[in-house]
Amino acid sequence: MSSKAKKTIKSRLTPAQIRPLIENFERQDHSIKDFCQRYGISEVTFYNWRKKYGIKPNIDNAGFIEIIPAVASCEPITEKLFAQVRGINIYHPVSAEYLKSLLA
């Protein structure tokens, strides 16, 4: 067998072997380049492994935060409307500069 043929033969890792490698990478502060050099893989392979075997984000709460209302009850506001700017109801007197900033 020629030396070129030997270089193209790659050992395949099983998913059981890949998962701990990717999980260790996610927990530690290594660069992708260092990781790929250490395990002799391409960056494309790394990204494929990470997509397939990496730690999955919690999609249920991704990008959302809990909003807690400042008012304890959700009773309708009975105060007199002071101003309405672009669909925003303002019930307390505010300065003219504040109202101008809402329009900007």
Protein backbone atom coordinates (compact mmCIF):
# COMPACT_ATOMS: atom_id res chain seq x y z
CA MET A 1 0.00 0.00 0.00
CA SER A 2 1.38 3.43 -0.87
CA SER A 3 1.89 6.17 1.72
CA LYS A 4 -0.96 8.21 0.20
CA ALA A 5 -3.39 5.34 0.67
CA LYS A 6 -2.37 4.99 4.32
CA LYS A 7 -3.09 8.68 4.97
CA THR A 8 -6.64 8.44 3.65
CA ILE A 9 -7.57 5.54 5.92
CA LYS A 10 -9.31 7.01 8.96
CA SER A 11 -10.44 5.35 12.12
CA ARG A 12 -14.09 5.94 12.86
CA LEU A 13 -15.30 6.83 16.31
CA THR A 14 -18.61 5.62 17.63
CA PRO A 15 -21.22 8.03 19.01
CA ALA A 16 -20.40 6.69 22.49
CA GLN A 17 -16.80 7.83 21.96
CA ILE A 18 -17.68 11.17 20.35
CA ARG A 19 -20.19 12.44 22.95
CA PRO A 20 -17.70 12.64 25.86
CA LEU A 21 -15.20 14.45 23.62
CA ILE A 22 -17.74 17.09 22.61
CA GLU A 23 -19.06 17.43 26.18
CA ASN A 24 -15.50 17.96 27.45
CA PHE A 25 -14.93 20.58 24.77
CA GLU A 26 -18.12 22.43 25.76
CA ARG A 27 -17.09 22.51 29.44
CA GLN A 28 -13.48 23.61 28.87
CA ASP A 29 -11.94 26.70 27.35
CA HIS A 30 -10.17 25.27 24.28
CA SER A 31 -10.23 26.65 20.78
CA ILE A 32 -11.85 24.62 18.04
CA LYS A 33 -8.56 24.61 16.16
CA ASP A 34 -6.70 23.08 19.13
CA PHE A 35 -9.42 20.48 19.62
CA CYS A 36 -9.32 19.46 15.96
CA GLN A 37 -5.54 19.20 15.96
CA ARG A 38 -5.57 17.12 19.14
CA TYR A 39 -8.00 14.56 17.71
CA GLY A 40 -6.86 14.77 14.08
CA ILE A 41 -10.20 15.88 12.64
CA SER A 42 -11.24 18.72 10.37
CA GLU A 43 -13.24 21.67 11.63
CA VAL A 44 -16.13 20.57 9.43
CA THR A 45 -16.16 17.22 11.22
CA PHE A 46 -16.06 19.01 14.58
CA TYR A 47 -19.07 21.16 13.70
CA ASN A 48 -20.96 18.11 12.46
CA TRP A 49 -20.15 16.24 15.68
CA ARG A 50 -21.14 19.20 17.84
CA LYS A 51 -24.44 19.60 15.97
CA LYS A 52 -25.24 15.91 16.24
CA TYR A 53 -23.79 14.95 19.64
CA GLY A 54 -23.32 18.25 21.49
CA ILE A 55 -25.17 19.58 24.48
CA LYS A 56 -28.65 20.59 23.39
CA PRO A 57 -29.86 24.02 24.56
CA ASN A 58 -33.10 24.25 26.51
CA ILE A 59 -35.36 25.39 23.69
CA ASP A 60 -38.38 25.90 25.94
CA ASN A 61 -36.91 29.04 27.50
CA ALA A 62 -34.44 30.09 24.83
CA GLY A 63 -34.51 33.85 24.32
CA PHE A 64 -37.26 34.53 26.81
CA ILE A 65 -37.22 35.93 30.32
CA GLU A 66 -39.94 35.85 32.92
CA ILE A 67 -41.73 39.16 33.35
CA ILE A 68 -43.17 39.84 36.78
CA PRO A 69 -45.72 42.65 36.89
CA ALA A 70 -44.96 45.46 39.33
CA VAL A 71 -48.62 45.65 40.31
CA ALA A 72 -49.70 42.78 42.55
CA SER A 73 -53.13 42.51 40.98
CA CYS A 74 -54.16 42.80 37.36
CA GLU A 75 -57.10 45.07 37.97
CA PRO A 76 -57.87 47.60 35.24
CA ILE A 77 -56.40 51.06 35.74
CA THR A 78 -59.11 53.51 36.67
CA GLU A 79 -56.95 56.65 36.67
CA LYS A 80 -57.51 59.37 34.12
CA LEU A 81 -55.50 59.06 30.92
CA PHE A 82 -52.82 61.79 30.71
CA ALA A 83 -51.48 61.07 27.20
CA GLN A 84 -51.35 58.43 24.53
CA VAL A 85 -48.28 58.21 22.30
CA ARG A 86 -47.98 55.55 19.59
CA GLY A 87 -50.30 53.21 21.47
CA ILE A 88 -48.63 53.82 24.84
CA ASN A 89 -51.04 54.96 27.53
CA ILE A 90 -49.54 57.35 30.09
CA TYR A 91 -51.57 57.87 33.25
CA HIS A 92 -49.22 60.13 35.21
CA PRO A 93 -48.08 63.62 34.22
CA VAL A 94 -44.69 63.58 32.46
CA SER A 95 -42.47 66.31 31.07
CA ALA A 96 -42.75 67.55 27.50
CA GLU A 97 -39.18 66.37 26.87
CA TYR A 98 -40.20 62.83 27.76
CA LEU A 99 -43.13 62.92 25.36
CA LYS A 100 -40.85 64.31 22.62
CA SER A 101 -38.37 61.47 23.22
CA LEU A 102 -41.18 58.94 22.67
CA LEU A 103 -41.94 60.51 19.31
CA ALA A 104 -38.29 60.48 18.18
